[in-house]
Amino acid sequence: MVQWKIQPNARLNVLLTLDRPHAAEHWTTQLPRLLEPQGVAAYAVTSVAEAVELAHELPIHAAIVDLGTPLGEARGASRGYTGGLSGGMPGGQASADPSGLWVLELFRRLPRRPPVVVVHSPARSQRESSWILSQSLRLGAFSVVNKPVQIDQLLQIFQRLVDRQYRGNWPGQEP
């Protein structure tokens, strides 16, 4: 079981799934530092299993999900689960990124569904790209962003997310 440093005074909890650990100058490290002064607690996880555990521990108000996040092992997560994603891409091809889509499926089932920004690697083909976009939107993604991610673009999307989802107010605040 992973232990997170829970920030009880945070106004907004953001789940950030990573495909792997990254350097300090990477957007996955910069984003939490940029959002923290605004009262945003960003919780980075490196597997779908950790995302499941965290979602059971505290309310997630928004998520940034890398579709390449490894599945991992934990309660509620089993290897090979496709989340009802129609068995992969059309033509029987397996998707390159099924684990991250599993996180979207998980969030779809939560009583209070957080908005999700999806991040994915460039597709090998137009068909794969269309499939990833289609599945992400079908599962309720707020936005889909291609890698490499530009931090300013992600901050703009995050601002739109807060404006649209919370009408410019942080969760728990009166409008």
N, C-alpha and C. Protein backbone atom coordinates (compact mmCIF):
# COMPACT_ATOMS: atom_id res chain seq x y z
N MET A 1 0.83 -1.19 0.00
CA MET A 1 0.00 0.00 0.00
C MET A 1 0.87 1.25 0.00
N VAL A 2 0.58 2.16 -0.88
CA VAL A 2 1.34 3.39 -1.01
C VAL A 2 0.83 4.41 -0.01
N GLN A 3 1.75 5.17 0.61
CA GLN A 3 1.37 6.22 1.54
C GLN A 3 1.58 7.57 0.86
N TRP A 4 0.55 8.40 0.86
CA TRP A 4 0.65 9.73 0.27
C TRP A 4 0.66 10.74 1.40
N LYS A 5 1.34 11.85 1.15
CA LYS A 5 1.30 12.95 2.09
C LYS A 5 0.03 13.75 1.78
N ILE A 6 -1.03 13.45 2.52
CA ILE A 6 -2.32 14.10 2.30
C ILE A 6 -2.23 15.54 2.77
N GLN A 7 -2.70 16.44 1.94
CA GLN A 7 -2.69 17.87 2.27
C GLN A 7 -4.12 18.27 2.66
N PRO A 8 -4.42 18.30 3.95
CA PRO A 8 -5.80 18.54 4.40
C PRO A 8 -6.35 19.93 4.06
N ASN A 9 -5.50 20.91 3.84
CA ASN A 9 -5.97 22.27 3.54
C ASN A 9 -6.09 22.56 2.05
N ALA A 10 -5.89 21.55 1.23
CA ALA A 10 -5.96 21.76 -0.22
C ALA A 10 -7.39 22.09 -0.63
N ARG A 11 -7.52 23.01 -1.57
CA ARG A 11 -8.85 23.38 -2.08
C ARG A 11 -9.27 22.47 -3.22
N LEU A 12 -8.31 21.81 -3.85
CA LEU A 12 -8.59 20.96 -5.00
C LEU A 12 -7.55 19.84 -5.02
N ASN A 13 -8.02 18.59 -5.14
CA ASN A 13 -7.12 17.44 -5.24
C ASN A 13 -7.06 16.98 -6.69
N VAL A 14 -5.83 16.91 -7.22
CA VAL A 14 -5.62 16.49 -8.60
C VAL A 14 -4.80 15.22 -8.61
N LEU A 15 -5.32 14.22 -9.30
CA LEU A 15 -4.58 12.97 -9.50
C LEU A 15 -3.80 13.10 -10.81
N LEU A 16 -2.53 12.77 -10.75
CA LEU A 16 -1.65 12.84 -11.91
C LEU A 16 -1.03 11.46 -12.10
N THR A 17 -1.42 10.75 -13.17
CA THR A 17 -0.83 9.43 -13.41
C THR A 17 0.35 9.58 -14.34
N LEU A 18 1.42 8.84 -14.06
CA LEU A 18 2.65 8.93 -14.83
C LEU A 18 2.95 7.61 -15.51
N ASP A 19 3.50 7.69 -16.71
CA ASP A 19 3.91 6.47 -17.39
C ASP A 19 5.22 5.93 -16.83
N ARG A 20 6.01 6.81 -16.19
CA ARG A 20 7.28 6.44 -15.56
C ARG A 20 7.77 7.65 -14.77
N PRO A 21 8.75 7.47 -13.87
CA PRO A 21 9.32 8.64 -13.18
C PRO A 21 10.01 9.56 -14.17
N HIS A 22 9.96 10.87 -13.88
CA HIS A 22 10.53 11.86 -14.79
C HIS A 22 11.48 12.79 -14.06
N ALA A 23 12.32 13.51 -14.82
CA ALA A 23 13.28 14.47 -14.28
C ALA A 23 12.56 15.70 -13.72
N ALA A 24 13.28 16.48 -12.93
CA ALA A 24 12.71 17.65 -12.25
C ALA A 24 12.19 18.70 -13.22
N GLU A 25 12.74 18.79 -14.42
CA GLU A 25 12.29 19.81 -15.37
C GLU A 25 11.12 19.35 -16.22
N HIS A 26 10.67 18.14 -16.05
CA HIS A 26 9.54 17.60 -16.82
C HIS A 26 8.24 18.22 -16.33
N TRP A 27 7.23 18.32 -17.21
CA TRP A 27 5.95 18.95 -16.85
C TRP A 27 5.27 18.25 -15.68
N THR A 28 5.49 16.95 -15.52
CA THR A 28 4.84 16.22 -14.42
C THR A 28 5.38 16.64 -13.06
N THR A 29 6.57 17.20 -13.04
CA THR A 29 7.15 17.70 -11.80
C THR A 29 6.85 19.19 -11.64
N GLN A 30 6.85 19.92 -12.76
CA GLN A 30 6.60 21.36 -12.71
C GLN A 30 5.15 21.69 -12.35
N LEU A 31 4.21 20.95 -12.91
CA LEU A 31 2.79 21.26 -12.71
C LEU A 31 2.40 21.30 -11.23
N PRO A 32 2.72 20.30 -10.43
CA PRO A 32 2.36 20.38 -9.00
C PRO A 32 2.95 21.60 -8.31
N ARG A 33 4.20 21.96 -8.65
CA ARG A 33 4.83 23.15 -8.03
C ARG A 33 4.13 24.44 -8.44
N LEU A 34 3.64 24.50 -9.68
CA LEU A 34 2.93 25.69 -10.15
C LEU A 34 1.53 25.81 -9.55
N LEU A 35 0.89 24.68 -9.30
CA LEU A 35 -0.48 24.71 -8.78
C LEU A 35 -0.56 24.80 -7.26
N GLU A 36 0.48 24.37 -6.57
CA GLU A 36 0.45 24.34 -5.10
C GLU A 36 0.15 25.70 -4.46
N PRO A 37 0.73 26.82 -4.93
CA PRO A 37 0.41 28.12 -4.31
C PRO A 37 -1.08 28.50 -4.45
N GLN A 38 -1.78 27.88 -5.39
CA GLN A 38 -3.21 28.14 -5.57
C GLN A 38 -4.09 27.25 -4.70
N GLY A 39 -3.45 26.43 -3.86
CA GLY A 39 -4.21 25.53 -2.99
C GLY A 39 -4.55 24.21 -3.64
N VAL A 40 -3.83 23.86 -4.70
CA VAL A 40 -4.08 22.61 -5.41
C VAL A 40 -3.05 21.57 -4.96
N ALA A 41 -3.55 20.44 -4.49
CA ALA A 41 -2.68 19.32 -4.12
C ALA A 41 -2.66 18.34 -5.28
N ALA A 42 -1.48 18.12 -5.84
CA ALA A 42 -1.33 17.16 -6.94
C ALA A 42 -0.69 15.89 -6.39
N TYR A 43 -1.34 14.78 -6.64
CA TYR A 43 -0.88 13.48 -6.17
C TYR A 43 -0.45 12.65 -7.38
N ALA A 44 0.86 12.42 -7.50
CA ALA A 44 1.39 11.66 -8.63
C ALA A 44 1.44 10.18 -8.29
N VAL A 45 0.95 9.37 -9.21
CA VAL A 45 1.01 7.91 -9.07
C VAL A 45 1.65 7.33 -10.32
N THR A 46 2.27 6.17 -10.17
CA THR A 46 2.96 5.56 -11.29
C THR A 46 2.31 4.26 -11.76
N SER A 47 1.10 4.00 -11.31
CA SER A 47 0.37 2.83 -11.80
C SER A 47 -1.13 3.05 -11.64
N VAL A 48 -1.88 2.31 -12.41
CA VAL A 48 -3.34 2.35 -12.29
C VAL A 48 -3.75 1.86 -10.91
N ALA A 49 -3.04 0.85 -10.39
CA ALA A 49 -3.34 0.32 -9.06
C ALA A 49 -3.23 1.41 -8.00
N GLU A 50 -2.19 2.24 -8.08
CA GLU A 50 -2.04 3.35 -7.13
C GLU A 50 -3.15 4.38 -7.31
N ALA A 51 -3.57 4.62 -8.54
CA ALA A 51 -4.68 5.55 -8.80
C ALA A 51 -5.96 5.05 -8.13
N VAL A 52 -6.21 3.75 -8.21
CA VAL A 52 -7.39 3.16 -7.57
C VAL A 52 -7.32 3.36 -6.06
N GLU A 53 -6.16 3.07 -5.48
CA GLU A 53 -6.00 3.24 -4.03
C GLU A 53 -6.23 4.69 -3.61
N LEU A 54 -5.64 5.62 -4.34
CA LEU A 54 -5.78 7.03 -4.00
C LEU A 54 -7.23 7.49 -4.12
N ALA A 55 -7.91 7.05 -5.17
CA ALA A 55 -9.31 7.44 -5.37
C ALA A 55 -10.20 6.92 -4.25
N HIS A 56 -9.79 5.85 -3.59
CA HIS A 56 -10.54 5.34 -2.44
C HIS A 56 -10.21 6.09 -1.16
N GLU A 57 -9.03 6.75 -1.12
CA GLU A 57 -8.59 7.44 0.08
C GLU A 57 -9.07 8.88 0.20
N LEU A 58 -9.17 9.59 -0.92
CA LEU A 58 -9.57 10.99 -0.82
C LEU A 58 -10.34 11.39 -2.07
N PRO A 59 -11.12 12.46 -1.96
CA PRO A 59 -11.87 12.91 -3.13
C PRO A 59 -10.94 13.47 -4.20
N ILE A 60 -11.14 13.03 -5.43
CA ILE A 60 -10.36 13.53 -6.56
C ILE A 60 -11.26 14.53 -7.29
N HIS A 61 -10.80 15.77 -7.40
CA HIS A 61 -11.58 16.82 -8.05
C HIS A 61 -11.27 16.95 -9.54
N ALA A 62 -10.07 16.49 -9.94
CA ALA A 62 -9.66 16.52 -11.34
C ALA A 62 -8.51 15.53 -11.50
N ALA A 63 -8.29 15.10 -12.74
CA ALA A 63 -7.19 14.16 -12.99
C ALA A 63 -6.53 14.45 -14.32
N ILE A 64 -5.25 14.19 -14.37
CA ILE A 64 -4.50 14.23 -15.62
C ILE A 64 -3.94 12.83 -15.77
N VAL A 65 -4.45 12.12 -16.76
CA VAL A 65 -4.15 10.69 -16.91
C VAL A 65 -3.31 10.45 -18.15
N ASP A 66 -2.13 9.89 -17.94
CA ASP A 66 -1.28 9.46 -19.04
C ASP A 66 -1.74 8.07 -19.43
N LEU A 67 -2.14 7.89 -20.68
CA LEU A 67 -2.66 6.60 -21.11
C LEU A 67 -1.61 5.50 -21.05
N GLY A 68 -0.35 5.86 -20.96
CA GLY A 68 0.72 4.87 -20.86
C GLY A 68 1.02 4.43 -19.45
N THR A 69 0.23 4.85 -18.48
CA THR A 69 0.45 4.46 -17.09
C THR A 69 0.34 2.95 -16.95
N PRO A 70 1.35 2.30 -16.35
CA PRO A 70 1.28 0.85 -16.17
C PRO A 70 0.12 0.45 -15.26
N LEU A 71 -0.37 -0.76 -15.44
CA LEU A 71 -1.51 -1.24 -14.66
C LEU A 71 -1.15 -1.46 -13.21
N GLY A 72 -0.12 -2.23 -12.92
CA GLY A 72 0.27 -2.50 -11.54
C GLY A 72 -0.66 -3.50 -10.90
N GLU A 73 -0.48 -3.74 -9.61
CA GLU A 73 -1.29 -4.70 -8.85
C GLU A 73 -1.82 -4.04 -7.59
N ALA A 74 -3.10 -4.19 -7.34
CA ALA A 74 -3.72 -3.72 -6.10
C ALA A 74 -5.15 -4.21 -6.08
N ARG A 75 -5.83 -3.95 -4.96
CA ARG A 75 -7.24 -4.32 -4.88
C ARG A 75 -8.00 -3.63 -6.00
N GLY A 76 -8.89 -4.33 -6.63
CA GLY A 76 -9.71 -3.71 -7.66
C GLY A 76 -9.04 -3.60 -9.01
N ALA A 77 -7.77 -3.94 -9.10
CA ALA A 77 -7.09 -3.87 -10.39
C ALA A 77 -6.51 -5.24 -10.70
N SER A 78 -6.86 -5.78 -11.82
CA SER A 78 -6.32 -7.09 -12.19
C SER A 78 -5.70 -7.01 -13.57
N ARG A 79 -4.67 -7.75 -13.77
CA ARG A 79 -3.99 -7.76 -15.08
C ARG A 79 -4.95 -8.24 -16.15
N GLY A 80 -4.86 -7.58 -17.29
CA GLY A 80 -5.67 -8.01 -18.42
C GLY A 80 -7.04 -7.37 -18.48
N TYR A 81 -7.46 -6.61 -17.48
CA TYR A 81 -8.77 -5.97 -17.51
C TYR A 81 -8.76 -4.85 -18.53
N THR A 82 -9.76 -4.84 -19.39
CA THR A 82 -9.82 -3.81 -20.43
C THR A 82 -10.91 -2.80 -20.18
N GLY A 83 -11.60 -2.91 -19.07
CA GLY A 83 -12.60 -1.91 -18.73
C GLY A 83 -13.75 -1.85 -19.72
N GLY A 84 -14.04 -2.94 -20.38
CA GLY A 84 -15.14 -2.92 -21.33
C GLY A 84 -14.84 -2.07 -22.55
N LEU A 85 -13.61 -2.06 -22.98
CA LEU A 85 -13.20 -1.19 -24.07
C LEU A 85 -13.28 -1.89 -25.42
N SER A 86 -14.21 -2.77 -25.58
CA SER A 86 -14.48 -3.44 -26.85
C SER A 86 -13.30 -4.25 -27.36
N GLY A 87 -12.45 -4.72 -26.46
CA GLY A 87 -11.38 -5.61 -26.85
C GLY A 87 -10.26 -4.98 -27.64
N GLY A 88 -10.10 -3.70 -27.59
CA GLY A 88 -8.99 -3.06 -28.28
C GLY A 88 -9.45 -2.32 -29.52
N MET A 89 -8.48 -2.01 -30.36
CA MET A 89 -8.76 -1.23 -31.56
C MET A 89 -9.52 -2.06 -32.58
N PRO A 90 -10.20 -1.39 -33.50
CA PRO A 90 -10.87 -2.11 -34.57
C PRO A 90 -9.88 -3.00 -35.31
N GLY A 91 -10.38 -4.12 -35.77
CA GLY A 91 -9.53 -5.05 -36.50
C GLY A 91 -8.76 -5.98 -35.57
N GLY A 92 -9.11 -5.98 -34.28
CA GLY A 92 -8.49 -6.90 -33.35
C GLY A 92 -7.14 -6.45 -32.82
N GLN A 93 -6.65 -5.28 -33.24
CA GLN A 93 -5.37 -4.79 -32.74
C GLN A 93 -5.53 -4.38 -31.30
N ALA A 94 -4.56 -4.70 -30.47
CA ALA A 94 -4.59 -4.26 -29.09
C ALA A 94 -4.16 -2.80 -29.06
N SER A 95 -4.77 -2.02 -28.20
CA SER A 95 -4.38 -0.63 -28.06
C SER A 95 -3.02 -0.55 -27.40
N ALA A 96 -2.26 0.48 -27.74
CA ALA A 96 -0.97 0.69 -27.11
C ALA A 96 -1.14 1.21 -25.69
N ASP A 97 -2.28 1.73 -25.33
CA ASP A 97 -2.47 2.41 -24.05
C ASP A 97 -3.73 1.99 -23.30
N PRO A 98 -4.01 0.71 -23.09
CA PRO A 98 -5.26 0.37 -22.45
C PRO A 98 -5.31 0.71 -20.96
N SER A 99 -4.19 0.75 -20.26
CA SER A 99 -4.20 0.97 -18.82
C SER A 99 -4.78 2.33 -18.44
N GLY A 100 -4.36 3.38 -19.13
CA GLY A 100 -4.88 4.71 -18.82
C GLY A 100 -6.37 4.81 -19.08
N LEU A 101 -6.85 4.13 -20.10
CA LEU A 101 -8.30 4.13 -20.35
C LEU A 101 -9.04 3.44 -19.21
N TRP A 102 -8.39 2.50 -18.56
CA TRP A 102 -8.99 1.83 -17.40
C TRP A 102 -9.25 2.86 -16.29
N VAL A 103 -8.34 3.83 -16.12
CA VAL A 103 -8.53 4.88 -15.10
C VAL A 103 -9.78 5.70 -15.44
N LEU A 104 -9.98 6.01 -16.71
CA LEU A 104 -11.18 6.75 -17.11
C LEU A 104 -12.44 5.94 -16.81
N GLU A 105 -12.37 4.66 -17.05
CA GLU A 105 -13.51 3.78 -16.74
C GLU A 105 -13.78 3.78 -15.23
N LEU A 106 -12.73 3.73 -14.43
CA LEU A 106 -12.87 3.78 -12.98
C LEU A 106 -13.56 5.08 -12.56
N PHE A 107 -13.10 6.22 -13.08
CA PHE A 107 -13.67 7.50 -12.70
C PHE A 107 -15.12 7.63 -13.14
N ARG A 108 -15.45 7.02 -14.25
CA ARG A 108 -16.83 7.04 -14.72
C ARG A 108 -17.79 6.40 -13.73
N ARG A 109 -17.27 5.49 -12.92
CA ARG A 109 -18.09 4.75 -11.96
C ARG A 109 -18.14 5.39 -10.58
N LEU A 110 -17.34 6.43 -10.36
CA LEU A 110 -17.35 7.10 -9.06
C LEU A 110 -18.63 7.92 -8.91
N PRO A 111 -19.13 8.04 -7.68
CA PRO A 111 -20.34 8.83 -7.47
C PRO A 111 -20.18 10.28 -7.92
N ARG A 112 -19.02 10.84 -7.67
CA ARG A 112 -18.73 12.21 -8.10
C ARG A 112 -17.59 12.15 -9.11
N ARG A 113 -17.93 12.12 -10.37
CA ARG A 113 -17.01 11.90 -11.48
C ARG A 113 -16.11 13.11 -11.70
N PRO A 114 -14.79 12.96 -11.50
CA PRO A 114 -13.90 14.11 -11.73
C PRO A 114 -13.63 14.31 -13.22
N PRO A 115 -13.44 15.55 -13.65
CA PRO A 115 -13.05 15.79 -15.04
C PRO A 115 -11.62 15.30 -15.26
N VAL A 116 -11.37 14.74 -16.44
CA VAL A 116 -10.08 14.13 -16.72
C VAL A 116 -9.47 14.71 -18.00
N VAL A 117 -8.21 15.08 -17.91
CA VAL A 117 -7.42 15.46 -19.08
C VAL A 117 -6.57 14.25 -19.43
N VAL A 118 -6.67 13.78 -20.65
CA VAL A 118 -5.93 12.61 -21.11
C VAL A 118 -4.67 13.06 -21.85
N VAL A 119 -3.55 12.42 -21.54
CA VAL A 119 -2.29 12.66 -22.21
C VAL A 119 -1.87 11.35 -22.87
N HIS A 120 -1.51 11.42 -24.15
CA HIS A 120 -1.06 10.18 -24.79
C HIS A 120 0.08 10.42 -25.76
N SER A 121 0.84 9.35 -25.97
CA SER A 121 1.97 9.38 -26.92
C SER A 121 1.44 9.46 -28.33
N PRO A 122 2.25 9.97 -29.23
CA PRO A 122 1.81 10.01 -30.63
C PRO A 122 1.43 8.61 -31.10
N ALA A 123 0.33 8.52 -31.82
CA ALA A 123 -0.15 7.24 -32.32
C ALA A 123 0.71 6.78 -33.49
N ARG A 124 0.72 5.47 -33.69
CA ARG A 124 1.47 4.90 -34.81
C ARG A 124 0.75 5.09 -36.14
N SER A 125 -0.55 5.35 -36.07
CA SER A 125 -1.33 5.52 -37.30
C SER A 125 -2.51 6.45 -37.03
N GLN A 126 -3.11 6.95 -38.09
CA GLN A 126 -4.30 7.78 -37.95
C GLN A 126 -5.43 6.98 -37.33
N ARG A 127 -5.51 5.72 -37.68
CA ARG A 127 -6.56 4.84 -37.13
C ARG A 127 -6.42 4.70 -35.62
N GLU A 128 -5.19 4.49 -35.15
CA GLU A 128 -4.96 4.37 -33.72
C GLU A 128 -5.26 5.69 -33.02
N SER A 129 -4.85 6.80 -33.62
CA SER A 129 -5.12 8.11 -33.04
C SER A 129 -6.62 8.36 -32.90
N SER A 130 -7.36 8.02 -33.94
CA SER A 130 -8.82 8.19 -33.91
C SER A 130 -9.44 7.30 -32.84
N TRP A 131 -8.94 6.08 -32.71
CA TRP A 131 -9.47 5.16 -31.70
C TRP A 131 -9.22 5.69 -30.29
N ILE A 132 -8.00 6.18 -30.02
CA ILE A 132 -7.66 6.72 -28.70
C ILE A 132 -8.56 7.92 -28.38
N LEU A 133 -8.71 8.83 -29.34
CA LEU A 133 -9.57 10.00 -29.13
C LEU A 133 -11.00 9.57 -28.88
N SER A 134 -11.50 8.67 -29.69
CA SER A 134 -12.88 8.19 -29.57
C SER A 134 -13.13 7.54 -28.21
N GLN A 135 -12.25 6.64 -27.80
CA GLN A 135 -12.42 5.95 -26.52
C GLN A 135 -12.32 6.93 -25.35
N SER A 136 -11.36 7.85 -25.42
CA SER A 136 -11.18 8.83 -24.35
C SER A 136 -12.44 9.68 -24.18
N LEU A 137 -12.98 10.17 -25.29
CA LEU A 137 -14.18 11.01 -25.22
C LEU A 137 -15.40 10.19 -24.79
N ARG A 138 -15.49 8.95 -25.26
CA ARG A 138 -16.60 8.08 -24.87
C ARG A 138 -16.60 7.84 -23.36
N LEU A 139 -15.40 7.77 -22.79
CA LEU A 139 -15.27 7.53 -21.36
C LEU A 139 -15.30 8.83 -20.55
N GLY A 140 -15.58 9.95 -21.20
CA GLY A 140 -15.81 11.20 -20.48
C GLY A 140 -14.63 12.13 -20.32
N ALA A 141 -13.59 11.98 -21.12
CA ALA A 141 -12.43 12.87 -21.01
C ALA A 141 -12.85 14.32 -21.28
N PHE A 142 -12.34 15.23 -20.50
CA PHE A 142 -12.58 16.66 -20.69
C PHE A 142 -11.77 17.17 -21.88
N SER A 143 -10.53 16.67 -21.99
CA SER A 143 -9.63 17.10 -23.05
C SER A 143 -8.62 15.99 -23.32
N VAL A 144 -8.08 15.96 -24.53
CA VAL A 144 -7.05 14.99 -24.91
C VAL A 144 -5.86 15.76 -25.45
N VAL A 145 -4.68 15.50 -24.89
CA VAL A 145 -3.46 16.22 -25.23
C VAL A 145 -2.41 15.22 -25.71
N ASN A 146 -1.74 15.56 -26.80
CA ASN A 146 -0.65 14.74 -27.32
C ASN A 146 0.66 15.08 -26.63
N LYS A 147 1.51 14.08 -26.48
CA LYS A 147 2.88 14.31 -26.02
C LYS A 147 3.70 14.80 -27.20
N PRO A 148 4.71 15.61 -27.02
CA PRO A 148 5.16 16.16 -25.75
C PRO A 148 4.22 17.26 -25.26
N VAL A 149 3.99 17.26 -23.97
CA VAL A 149 3.06 18.21 -23.35
C VAL A 149 3.77 19.53 -23.10
N GLN A 150 3.10 20.61 -23.46
CA GLN A 150 3.59 21.95 -23.16
C GLN A 150 2.90 22.43 -21.89
N ILE A 151 3.67 22.83 -20.89
CA ILE A 151 3.10 23.19 -19.59
C ILE A 151 2.10 24.33 -19.70
N ASP A 152 2.35 25.33 -20.56
CA ASP A 152 1.41 26.44 -20.69
C ASP A 152 0.08 25.97 -21.28
N GLN A 153 0.12 25.05 -22.23
CA GLN A 153 -1.11 24.49 -22.79
C GLN A 153 -1.90 23.74 -21.72
N LEU A 154 -1.20 22.96 -20.90
CA LEU A 154 -1.86 22.20 -19.84
C LEU A 154 -2.47 23.13 -18.79
N LEU A 155 -1.78 24.21 -18.46
CA LEU A 155 -2.33 25.18 -17.50
C LEU A 155 -3.60 25.85 -18.04
N GLN A 156 -3.61 26.16 -19.34
CA GLN A 156 -4.82 26.74 -19.95
C GLN A 156 -5.98 25.75 -19.91
N ILE A 157 -5.70 24.50 -20.21
CA ILE A 157 -6.74 23.46 -20.16
C ILE A 157 -7.24 23.31 -18.73
N PHE A 158 -6.33 23.33 -17.78
CA PHE A 158 -6.72 23.20 -16.37
C PHE A 158 -7.60 24.37 -15.94
N GLN A 159 -7.27 25.57 -16.38
CA GLN A 159 -8.10 26.73 -16.06
C GLN A 159 -9.50 26.58 -16.64
N ARG A 160 -9.60 26.13 -17.90
CA ARG A 160 -10.91 25.88 -18.52
C ARG A 160 -11.68 24.81 -17.75
N LEU A 161 -10.97 23.79 -17.31
CA LEU A 161 -11.59 22.71 -16.55
C LEU A 161 -12.22 23.25 -15.27
N VAL A 162 -11.48 24.04 -14.52
CA VAL A 162 -12.01 24.62 -13.27
C VAL A 162 -13.17 25.55 -13.57
N ASP A 163 -13.02 26.39 -14.60
CA ASP A 163 -14.10 27.31 -14.96
C ASP A 163 -15.37 26.57 -15.34
N ARG A 164 -15.24 25.55 -16.16
CA ARG A 164 -16.41 24.83 -16.65
C ARG A 164 -16.99 23.89 -15.59
N GLN A 165 -16.14 23.10 -14.95
CA GLN A 165 -16.62 22.09 -14.00
C GLN A 165 -17.10 22.72 -12.70
N TYR A 166 -16.39 23.71 -12.23
CA TYR A 166 -16.70 24.30 -10.92
C TYR A 166 -17.17 25.74 -11.05
N ARG A 167 -17.47 26.18 -12.25
CA ARG A 167 -17.96 27.52 -12.53
C ARG A 167 -17.07 28.60 -11.90
N GLY A 168 -15.75 28.34 -11.99
CA GLY A 168 -14.78 29.30 -11.47
C GLY A 168 -14.59 29.25 -9.98
N ASN A 169 -15.39 28.45 -9.25
CA ASN A 169 -15.27 28.32 -7.81
C ASN A 169 -14.59 27.00 -7.47
N TRP A 170 -13.79 27.00 -6.44
CA TRP A 170 -13.15 25.77 -6.01
C TRP A 170 -14.20 24.87 -5.37
N PRO A 171 -13.99 23.57 -5.40
CA PRO A 171 -14.93 22.64 -4.75
C PRO A 171 -15.13 23.03 -3.28
N GLY A 172 -16.37 23.01 -2.82
CA GLY A 172 -16.68 23.32 -1.44
C GLY A 172 -16.92 24.80 -1.17
N GLN A 173 -16.62 25.68 -2.13
CA GLN A 173 -16.87 27.10 -1.97
C GLN A 173 -18.28 27.44 -2.43
N GLU A 174 -18.84 28.43 -1.85
CA GLU A 174 -20.15 28.91 -2.31
C GLU A 174 -19.98 29.77 -3.55
N PRO A 175 -20.85 29.63 -4.55
CA PRO A 175 -20.74 30.46 -5.77
C PRO A 175 -21.00 31.92 -5.50
